Amino acid sequence: MTTNVLILCTHNSARSVLSEGMLNHWAQKLGKDVRAYSAGSAPSGRLNPFALEALSNAGIDVRDYRSKSWDEFTGEGAAQMRIVITVCDSAAAEVCPIWPGSPVKMHWGYADPSHAEGGDEGKRKAFELTRQAIGYRMLQLLSLPLDAMNNAELQQALGSIHKN
């Protein structure tokens, strides 16, 4: 059974998009039955071009990516999430919707690379470093025996990944 993972940030324009891209990329490469989605509590309606560039440079096709609301994942017919991860502090502090199926929730915060100094080159570097850090955590998530873990075990394992 597919393990669905929803990654949230306030605007769904950078960190959550990087996370969705990296988790799906590694899951496909490793043959894991995991599917990532991303969304925002207040989606901007546009994706940060530096996030798209970082993913494209890693060989990820971003043609179908878009900024979307977390409301798409709460209604009838939405994919049931096993894991919900927030990747920005403002989204972690918000009251999230009630997710069908009571998924495991985790906060893996990352600094916002769009605030990096040094003009476009500084932003490119910050986005690439953020993509790499996210990719490392997603590889750790994919190394877990997800089908064999109950929610308490999964919560503990995701917390351990956060501490690394």
N, C-alpha and C. Protein backbone atom coordinates (compact mmCIF):
# COMPACT_ATOMS: atom_id res chain seq x y z
N MET A 1 0.84 -1.18 0.00
CA MET A 1 0.00 0.00 0.00
C MET A 1 0.89 1.25 0.00
N THR A 2 0.54 2.22 -0.81
CA THR A 2 1.33 3.43 -0.93
C THR A 2 1.29 4.22 0.37
N THR A 3 2.46 4.68 0.80
CA THR A 3 2.57 5.59 1.93
C THR A 3 2.51 7.01 1.37
N ASN A 4 1.45 7.73 1.70
CA ASN A 4 1.29 9.11 1.24
C ASN A 4 1.83 10.06 2.29
N VAL A 5 2.60 11.05 1.82
CA VAL A 5 3.22 12.04 2.70
C VAL A 5 2.83 13.42 2.20
N LEU A 6 2.27 14.23 3.09
CA LEU A 6 1.92 15.61 2.76
C LEU A 6 2.92 16.54 3.45
N ILE A 7 3.53 17.43 2.67
CA ILE A 7 4.52 18.36 3.20
C ILE A 7 3.95 19.76 3.10
N LEU A 8 3.91 20.45 4.24
CA LEU A 8 3.24 21.74 4.33
C LEU A 8 4.21 22.88 4.62
N CYS A 9 3.93 24.01 4.01
CA CYS A 9 4.57 25.28 4.32
C CYS A 9 3.47 26.33 4.11
N THR A 10 3.66 27.49 4.60
CA THR A 10 2.60 28.48 4.50
C THR A 10 2.22 28.78 3.05
N HIS A 11 3.20 29.11 2.21
CA HIS A 11 2.89 29.57 0.86
C HIS A 11 3.01 28.50 -0.22
N ASN A 12 3.53 27.32 0.11
CA ASN A 12 3.72 26.24 -0.86
C ASN A 12 4.41 26.76 -2.12
N SER A 13 5.55 27.43 -1.89
CA SER A 13 6.29 27.97 -3.03
C SER A 13 7.75 27.57 -3.05
N ALA A 14 8.30 27.10 -1.92
CA ALA A 14 9.74 26.82 -1.89
C ALA A 14 10.05 25.53 -1.13
N ARG A 15 10.13 25.60 0.20
CA ARG A 15 10.58 24.44 0.98
C ARG A 15 9.68 23.22 0.84
N SER A 16 8.38 23.41 0.83
CA SER A 16 7.48 22.26 0.68
C SER A 16 7.58 21.67 -0.72
N VAL A 17 7.81 22.53 -1.71
CA VAL A 17 7.95 22.07 -3.09
C VAL A 17 9.27 21.30 -3.24
N LEU A 18 10.34 21.81 -2.64
CA LEU A 18 11.62 21.09 -2.66
C LEU A 18 11.45 19.72 -2.01
N SER A 19 10.70 19.67 -0.91
CA SER A 19 10.50 18.41 -0.19
C SER A 19 9.69 17.41 -1.01
N GLU A 20 8.63 17.88 -1.62
CA GLU A 20 7.82 17.01 -2.48
C GLU A 20 8.67 16.44 -3.60
N GLY A 21 9.42 17.31 -4.25
CA GLY A 21 10.26 16.88 -5.35
C GLY A 21 11.31 15.87 -4.94
N MET A 22 11.98 16.13 -3.83
CA MET A 22 13.06 15.23 -3.40
C MET A 22 12.52 13.89 -2.92
N LEU A 23 11.42 13.89 -2.18
CA LEU A 23 10.87 12.62 -1.71
C LEU A 23 10.39 11.76 -2.88
N ASN A 24 9.69 12.36 -3.82
CA ASN A 24 9.23 11.59 -4.98
C ASN A 24 10.40 11.12 -5.83
N HIS A 25 11.41 11.95 -5.98
CA HIS A 25 12.60 11.59 -6.76
C HIS A 25 13.29 10.37 -6.15
N TRP A 26 13.58 10.43 -4.86
CA TRP A 26 14.28 9.32 -4.21
C TRP A 26 13.40 8.08 -4.12
N ALA A 27 12.11 8.24 -3.88
CA ALA A 27 11.22 7.07 -3.82
C ALA A 27 11.22 6.33 -5.16
N GLN A 28 11.16 7.08 -6.24
CA GLN A 28 11.17 6.46 -7.57
C GLN A 28 12.51 5.76 -7.82
N LYS A 29 13.61 6.45 -7.52
CA LYS A 29 14.94 5.87 -7.75
C LYS A 29 15.16 4.59 -6.94
N LEU A 30 14.62 4.56 -5.72
CA LEU A 30 14.83 3.42 -4.83
C LEU A 30 13.74 2.36 -4.93
N GLY A 31 12.72 2.61 -5.76
CA GLY A 31 11.63 1.65 -5.91
C GLY A 31 10.74 1.54 -4.69
N LYS A 32 10.58 2.65 -3.96
CA LYS A 32 9.75 2.67 -2.75
C LYS A 32 8.34 3.12 -3.11
N ASP A 33 7.35 2.50 -2.47
CA ASP A 33 5.94 2.83 -2.71
C ASP A 33 5.53 3.98 -1.79
N VAL A 34 6.10 5.14 -2.05
CA VAL A 34 5.86 6.36 -1.27
C VAL A 34 5.52 7.46 -2.25
N ARG A 35 4.52 8.26 -1.91
CA ARG A 35 4.09 9.37 -2.78
C ARG A 35 4.01 10.63 -1.94
N ALA A 36 4.75 11.66 -2.36
CA ALA A 36 4.75 12.95 -1.66
C ALA A 36 3.85 13.94 -2.37
N TYR A 37 3.23 14.78 -1.57
CA TYR A 37 2.42 15.91 -2.04
C TYR A 37 2.86 17.12 -1.23
N SER A 38 2.63 18.31 -1.75
CA SER A 38 2.89 19.51 -0.96
C SER A 38 1.71 20.45 -1.08
N ALA A 39 1.58 21.29 -0.05
CA ALA A 39 0.48 22.25 -0.03
C ALA A 39 0.83 23.36 0.96
N GLY A 40 -0.01 24.38 0.97
CA GLY A 40 0.19 25.50 1.88
C GLY A 40 -1.10 25.92 2.54
N SER A 41 -0.95 26.54 3.69
CA SER A 41 -2.13 27.06 4.40
C SER A 41 -2.64 28.34 3.73
N ALA A 42 -1.72 29.10 3.13
CA ALA A 42 -2.07 30.32 2.39
C ALA A 42 -1.23 30.33 1.13
N PRO A 43 -1.53 29.45 0.17
CA PRO A 43 -0.68 29.30 -1.00
C PRO A 43 -0.52 30.61 -1.78
N SER A 44 0.70 30.82 -2.26
CA SER A 44 1.01 32.06 -2.98
C SER A 44 0.47 32.05 -4.40
N GLY A 45 0.20 30.85 -4.92
CA GLY A 45 -0.26 30.76 -6.30
C GLY A 45 0.88 30.72 -7.30
N ARG A 46 2.11 30.84 -6.82
CA ARG A 46 3.26 30.76 -7.70
C ARG A 46 4.39 30.04 -6.98
N LEU A 47 5.22 29.39 -7.76
CA LEU A 47 6.36 28.67 -7.21
C LEU A 47 7.62 29.52 -7.34
N ASN A 48 8.46 29.45 -6.34
CA ASN A 48 9.69 30.21 -6.37
C ASN A 48 10.58 29.67 -7.50
N PRO A 49 11.01 30.53 -8.41
CA PRO A 49 11.82 30.05 -9.54
C PRO A 49 13.14 29.42 -9.11
N PHE A 50 13.69 29.84 -7.97
CA PHE A 50 14.93 29.23 -7.49
C PHE A 50 14.69 27.80 -6.99
N ALA A 51 13.51 27.53 -6.45
CA ALA A 51 13.17 26.16 -6.03
C ALA A 51 13.04 25.28 -7.26
N LEU A 52 12.36 25.78 -8.27
CA LEU A 52 12.21 25.01 -9.51
C LEU A 52 13.56 24.77 -10.17
N GLU A 53 14.43 25.76 -10.15
CA GLU A 53 15.76 25.61 -10.73
C GLU A 53 16.58 24.56 -9.98
N ALA A 54 16.53 24.59 -8.64
CA ALA A 54 17.28 23.61 -7.85
C ALA A 54 16.80 22.19 -8.14
N LEU A 55 15.49 22.01 -8.24
CA LEU A 55 14.95 20.68 -8.55
C LEU A 55 15.31 20.26 -9.97
N SER A 56 15.19 21.17 -10.91
CA SER A 56 15.53 20.86 -12.31
C SER A 56 17.00 20.48 -12.43
N ASN A 57 17.87 21.20 -11.74
CA ASN A 57 19.30 20.89 -11.77
C ASN A 57 19.60 19.52 -11.18
N ALA A 58 18.70 19.00 -10.34
CA ALA A 58 18.85 17.66 -9.77
C ALA A 58 18.20 16.59 -10.66
N GLY A 59 17.70 17.01 -11.82
CA GLY A 59 17.11 16.06 -12.76
C GLY A 59 15.65 15.76 -12.54
N ILE A 60 14.95 16.64 -11.83
CA ILE A 60 13.54 16.43 -11.51
C ILE A 60 12.67 17.25 -12.45
N ASP A 61 11.68 16.61 -13.06
CA ASP A 61 10.75 17.27 -13.97
C ASP A 61 9.73 18.04 -13.14
N VAL A 62 9.70 19.35 -13.29
CA VAL A 62 8.82 20.20 -12.48
C VAL A 62 7.66 20.78 -13.29
N ARG A 63 7.44 20.25 -14.48
CA ARG A 63 6.39 20.83 -15.35
C ARG A 63 5.01 20.87 -14.70
N ASP A 64 4.64 19.86 -13.94
CA ASP A 64 3.29 19.80 -13.38
C ASP A 64 3.19 20.35 -11.96
N TYR A 65 4.24 20.94 -11.46
CA TYR A 65 4.22 21.48 -10.10
C TYR A 65 3.39 22.75 -10.07
N ARG A 66 2.69 22.94 -8.94
CA ARG A 66 1.90 24.16 -8.75
C ARG A 66 1.73 24.41 -7.26
N SER A 67 1.45 25.65 -6.91
CA SER A 67 1.19 26.03 -5.53
C SER A 67 -0.28 25.73 -5.24
N LYS A 68 -0.54 24.97 -4.17
CA LYS A 68 -1.92 24.58 -3.89
C LYS A 68 -2.23 24.65 -2.40
N SER A 69 -3.50 24.68 -2.10
CA SER A 69 -3.98 24.77 -0.72
C SER A 69 -4.07 23.39 -0.07
N TRP A 70 -3.86 23.39 1.23
CA TRP A 70 -4.01 22.13 1.96
C TRP A 70 -5.45 21.65 1.96
N ASP A 71 -6.38 22.52 1.60
CA ASP A 71 -7.80 22.11 1.51
C ASP A 71 -8.01 20.98 0.50
N GLU A 72 -7.14 20.89 -0.50
CA GLU A 72 -7.25 19.83 -1.50
C GLU A 72 -7.06 18.44 -0.90
N PHE A 73 -6.50 18.40 0.30
CA PHE A 73 -6.17 17.11 0.91
C PHE A 73 -7.05 16.77 2.11
N THR A 74 -8.11 17.55 2.30
CA THR A 74 -9.00 17.30 3.43
C THR A 74 -10.37 16.80 3.02
N GLY A 75 -10.72 16.95 1.77
CA GLY A 75 -12.07 16.64 1.32
C GLY A 75 -12.28 15.21 0.91
N GLU A 76 -13.52 14.95 0.55
CA GLU A 76 -13.92 13.63 0.06
C GLU A 76 -13.08 13.26 -1.17
N GLY A 77 -12.58 12.07 -1.19
CA GLY A 77 -11.81 11.58 -2.32
C GLY A 77 -10.33 11.93 -2.30
N ALA A 78 -9.91 12.71 -1.31
CA ALA A 78 -8.48 13.06 -1.21
C ALA A 78 -7.69 11.83 -0.76
N ALA A 79 -6.46 11.74 -1.22
CA ALA A 79 -5.59 10.64 -0.80
C ALA A 79 -5.40 10.71 0.72
N GLN A 80 -5.45 9.57 1.37
CA GLN A 80 -5.27 9.53 2.82
C GLN A 80 -3.78 9.57 3.14
N MET A 81 -3.39 10.52 3.97
CA MET A 81 -1.99 10.71 4.32
C MET A 81 -1.60 9.85 5.51
N ARG A 82 -0.43 9.26 5.44
CA ARG A 82 0.13 8.54 6.58
C ARG A 82 1.00 9.47 7.42
N ILE A 83 1.64 10.43 6.72
CA ILE A 83 2.56 11.36 7.38
C ILE A 83 2.26 12.77 6.89
N VAL A 84 2.25 13.74 7.82
CA VAL A 84 2.14 15.15 7.48
C VAL A 84 3.34 15.85 8.12
N ILE A 85 4.16 16.50 7.28
CA ILE A 85 5.37 17.17 7.75
C ILE A 85 5.27 18.65 7.44
N THR A 86 5.51 19.49 8.45
CA THR A 86 5.61 20.93 8.21
C THR A 86 7.10 21.26 8.08
N VAL A 87 7.42 22.16 7.15
CA VAL A 87 8.82 22.49 6.90
C VAL A 87 9.14 23.97 7.11
N CYS A 88 8.16 24.75 7.55
CA CYS A 88 8.44 26.13 7.93
C CYS A 88 7.76 26.40 9.27
N ASP A 89 8.39 27.25 10.06
CA ASP A 89 7.92 27.49 11.42
C ASP A 89 6.52 28.08 11.47
N SER A 90 6.17 28.96 10.51
CA SER A 90 4.85 29.56 10.56
C SER A 90 3.76 28.52 10.31
N ALA A 91 4.00 27.57 9.41
CA ALA A 91 3.00 26.52 9.17
C ALA A 91 2.90 25.60 10.38
N ALA A 92 4.01 25.34 11.06
CA ALA A 92 3.99 24.46 12.23
C ALA A 92 3.18 25.07 13.35
N ALA A 93 3.14 26.41 13.42
CA ALA A 93 2.42 27.10 14.49
C ALA A 93 0.93 27.25 14.20
N GLU A 94 0.51 26.99 12.97
CA GLU A 94 -0.89 27.16 12.60
C GLU A 94 -1.72 25.96 13.02
N VAL A 95 -3.00 26.20 13.17
CA VAL A 95 -3.92 25.10 13.47
C VAL A 95 -4.22 24.40 12.15
N CYS A 96 -3.79 23.16 12.05
CA CYS A 96 -3.98 22.40 10.82
C CYS A 96 -5.38 21.82 10.78
N PRO A 97 -5.85 21.51 9.59
CA PRO A 97 -7.15 20.84 9.48
C PRO A 97 -7.10 19.46 10.14
N ILE A 98 -8.25 18.88 10.31
CA ILE A 98 -8.31 17.48 10.76
C ILE A 98 -8.06 16.64 9.53
N TRP A 99 -6.99 15.87 9.55
CA TRP A 99 -6.64 15.04 8.41
C TRP A 99 -7.33 13.70 8.52
N PRO A 100 -7.95 13.23 7.46
CA PRO A 100 -8.56 11.89 7.48
C PRO A 100 -7.50 10.84 7.81
N GLY A 101 -7.84 9.90 8.65
CA GLY A 101 -6.95 8.80 8.98
C GLY A 101 -5.97 9.08 10.10
N SER A 102 -6.00 10.26 10.69
CA SER A 102 -5.10 10.61 11.79
C SER A 102 -3.63 10.31 11.49
N PRO A 103 -3.04 11.00 10.52
CA PRO A 103 -1.64 10.73 10.16
C PRO A 103 -0.67 11.15 11.25
N VAL A 104 0.54 10.62 11.16
CA VAL A 104 1.63 11.02 12.03
C VAL A 104 2.06 12.42 11.60
N LYS A 105 2.23 13.32 12.56
CA LYS A 105 2.62 14.70 12.25
C LYS A 105 4.03 14.96 12.78
N MET A 106 4.81 15.70 11.98
CA MET A 106 6.19 15.99 12.35
C MET A 106 6.56 17.37 11.81
N HIS A 107 7.41 18.08 12.55
CA HIS A 107 7.94 19.36 12.06
C HIS A 107 9.43 19.20 11.80
N TRP A 108 9.82 19.42 10.54
CA TRP A 108 11.23 19.46 10.13
C TRP A 108 11.47 20.85 9.57
N GLY A 109 11.86 21.78 10.39
CA GLY A 109 12.02 23.16 9.95
C GLY A 109 13.29 23.42 9.18
N TYR A 110 13.19 24.27 8.20
CA TYR A 110 14.32 24.73 7.40
C TYR A 110 14.23 26.24 7.29
N ALA A 111 15.39 26.91 7.32
CA ALA A 111 15.41 28.36 7.10
C ALA A 111 14.91 28.65 5.69
N ASP A 112 14.26 29.78 5.52
CA ASP A 112 13.71 30.15 4.22
C ASP A 112 14.84 30.61 3.29
N PRO A 113 15.16 29.82 2.26
CA PRO A 113 16.26 30.19 1.37
C PRO A 113 15.95 31.43 0.52
N SER A 114 14.70 31.81 0.43
CA SER A 114 14.36 32.99 -0.38
C SER A 114 14.82 34.29 0.31
N HIS A 115 15.22 34.19 1.58
CA HIS A 115 15.72 35.38 2.30
C HIS A 115 17.24 35.44 2.32
N ALA A 116 17.89 34.57 1.56
CA ALA A 116 19.35 34.54 1.54
C ALA A 116 19.92 35.84 0.97
N GLU A 117 21.06 36.23 1.49
CA GLU A 117 21.74 37.43 1.01
C GLU A 117 22.63 37.07 -0.17
N GLY A 118 23.09 38.09 -0.88
CA GLY A 118 24.02 37.87 -1.97
C GLY A 118 23.38 37.85 -3.34
N GLY A 119 22.21 38.44 -3.45
CA GLY A 119 21.54 38.52 -4.76
C GLY A 119 21.12 37.15 -5.27
N ASP A 120 20.98 37.04 -6.57
CA ASP A 120 20.52 35.79 -7.18
C ASP A 120 21.46 34.63 -6.91
N GLU A 121 22.77 34.89 -6.96
CA GLU A 121 23.72 33.79 -6.71
C GLU A 121 23.63 33.30 -5.27
N GLY A 122 23.43 34.21 -4.34
CA GLY A 122 23.26 33.81 -2.94
C GLY A 122 22.00 32.98 -2.75
N LYS A 123 20.94 33.36 -3.43
CA LYS A 123 19.69 32.61 -3.36
C LYS A 123 19.85 31.22 -4.00
N ARG A 124 20.51 31.17 -5.16
CA ARG A 124 20.74 29.87 -5.81
C ARG A 124 21.49 28.92 -4.88
N LYS A 125 22.51 29.42 -4.24
CA LYS A 125 23.30 28.59 -3.32
C LYS A 125 22.44 28.15 -2.14
N ALA A 126 21.66 29.07 -1.58
CA ALA A 126 20.81 28.73 -0.43
C ALA A 126 19.76 27.69 -0.82
N PHE A 127 19.17 27.83 -1.98
CA PHE A 127 18.17 26.86 -2.43
C PHE A 127 18.80 25.50 -2.67
N GLU A 128 19.99 25.48 -3.25
CA GLU A 128 20.67 24.20 -3.49
C GLU A 128 21.03 23.53 -2.17
N LEU A 129 21.54 24.28 -1.22
CA LEU A 129 21.87 23.70 0.09
C LEU A 129 20.62 23.19 0.81
N THR A 130 19.53 23.93 0.70
CA THR A 130 18.27 23.50 1.31
C THR A 130 17.76 22.23 0.63
N ARG A 131 17.86 22.18 -0.69
CA ARG A 131 17.44 20.98 -1.43
C ARG A 131 18.25 19.77 -0.98
N GLN A 132 19.55 19.95 -0.81
CA GLN A 132 20.40 18.85 -0.37
C GLN A 132 20.05 18.39 1.04
N ALA A 133 19.82 19.34 1.95
CA ALA A 133 19.47 18.99 3.33
C ALA A 133 18.14 18.25 3.37
N ILE A 134 17.17 18.72 2.60
CA ILE A 134 15.87 18.06 2.52
C ILE A 134 16.02 16.67 1.93
N GLY A 135 16.80 16.57 0.86
CA GLY A 135 17.01 15.28 0.21
C GLY A 135 17.60 14.25 1.16
N TYR A 136 18.52 14.68 2.01
CA TYR A 136 19.13 13.78 2.99
C TYR A 136 18.08 13.24 3.96
N ARG A 137 17.23 14.12 4.46
CA ARG A 137 16.17 13.66 5.38
C ARG A 137 15.19 12.73 4.68
N MET A 138 14.88 13.03 3.43
CA MET A 138 13.93 12.18 2.70
C MET A 138 14.52 10.79 2.46
N LEU A 139 15.82 10.71 2.24
CA LEU A 139 16.47 9.40 2.13
C LEU A 139 16.37 8.63 3.44
N GLN A 140 16.53 9.33 4.55
CA GLN A 140 16.39 8.69 5.85
C GLN A 140 14.97 8.19 6.06
N LEU A 141 13.97 8.98 5.68
CA LEU A 141 12.57 8.56 5.78
C LEU A 141 12.35 7.30 4.95
N LEU A 142 12.90 7.28 3.75
CA LEU A 142 12.69 6.14 2.86
C LEU A 142 13.42 4.88 3.34
N SER A 143 14.38 5.03 4.23
CA SER A 143 15.08 3.85 4.75
C SER A 143 14.29 3.16 5.86
N LEU A 144 13.22 3.79 6.33
CA LEU A 144 12.40 3.20 7.39
C LEU A 144 11.51 2.08 6.83
N PRO A 145 11.25 1.05 7.64
CA PRO A 145 10.32 0.00 7.21
C PRO A 145 8.88 0.47 7.42
N LEU A 146 8.43 1.39 6.59
CA LEU A 146 7.16 2.09 6.79
C LEU A 146 5.97 1.14 6.94
N ASP A 147 5.91 0.10 6.14
CA ASP A 147 4.78 -0.83 6.21
C ASP A 147 4.74 -1.63 7.50
N ALA A 148 5.89 -1.78 8.15
CA ALA A 148 5.97 -2.60 9.37
C ALA A 148 5.84 -1.77 10.64
N MET A 149 5.78 -0.46 10.51
CA MET A 149 5.77 0.41 11.70
C MET A 149 4.35 0.86 12.04
N ASN A 150 4.05 0.87 13.35
CA ASN A 150 2.81 1.50 13.78
C ASN A 150 3.06 3.00 13.92
N ASN A 151 2.02 3.77 14.16
CA ASN A 151 2.17 5.22 14.19
C ASN A 151 3.10 5.71 15.29
N ALA A 152 3.08 5.07 16.46
CA ALA A 152 3.97 5.49 17.54
C ALA A 152 5.43 5.25 17.16
N GLU A 153 5.71 4.11 16.55
CA GLU A 153 7.08 3.82 16.11
C GLU A 153 7.51 4.79 15.02
N LEU A 154 6.61 5.08 14.11
CA LEU A 154 6.91 6.01 13.03
C LEU A 154 7.18 7.41 13.58
N GLN A 155 6.36 7.85 14.52
CA GLN A 155 6.55 9.17 15.16
C GLN A 155 7.93 9.25 15.79
N GLN A 156 8.32 8.22 16.50
CA GLN A 156 9.62 8.21 17.17
C GLN A 156 10.75 8.22 16.13
N ALA A 157 10.62 7.44 15.07
CA ALA A 157 11.66 7.39 14.04
C ALA A 157 11.79 8.72 13.30
N LEU A 158 10.68 9.37 13.00
CA LEU A 158 10.73 10.66 12.34
C LEU A 158 11.35 11.71 13.25
N GLY A 159 11.07 11.61 14.55
CA GLY A 159 11.69 12.52 15.52
C GLY A 159 13.19 12.31 15.58
N SER A 160 13.63 11.06 15.48
CA SER A 160 15.08 10.78 15.48
C SER A 160 15.74 11.35 14.23
N ILE A 161 15.07 11.25 13.09
CA ILE A 161 15.61 11.82 11.86
C ILE A 161 15.77 13.34 12.03
N HIS A 162 14.78 13.97 12.67
CA HIS A 162 14.83 15.42 12.88
C HIS A 162 16.04 15.83 13.70
N LYS A 163 16.42 15.00 14.64
CA LYS A 163 17.54 15.35 15.52
C LYS A 163 18.89 15.20 14.84
N ASN A 164 18.95 14.43 13.75
CA ASN A 164 20.23 14.22 13.05
C ASN A 164 20.64 15.40 12.22
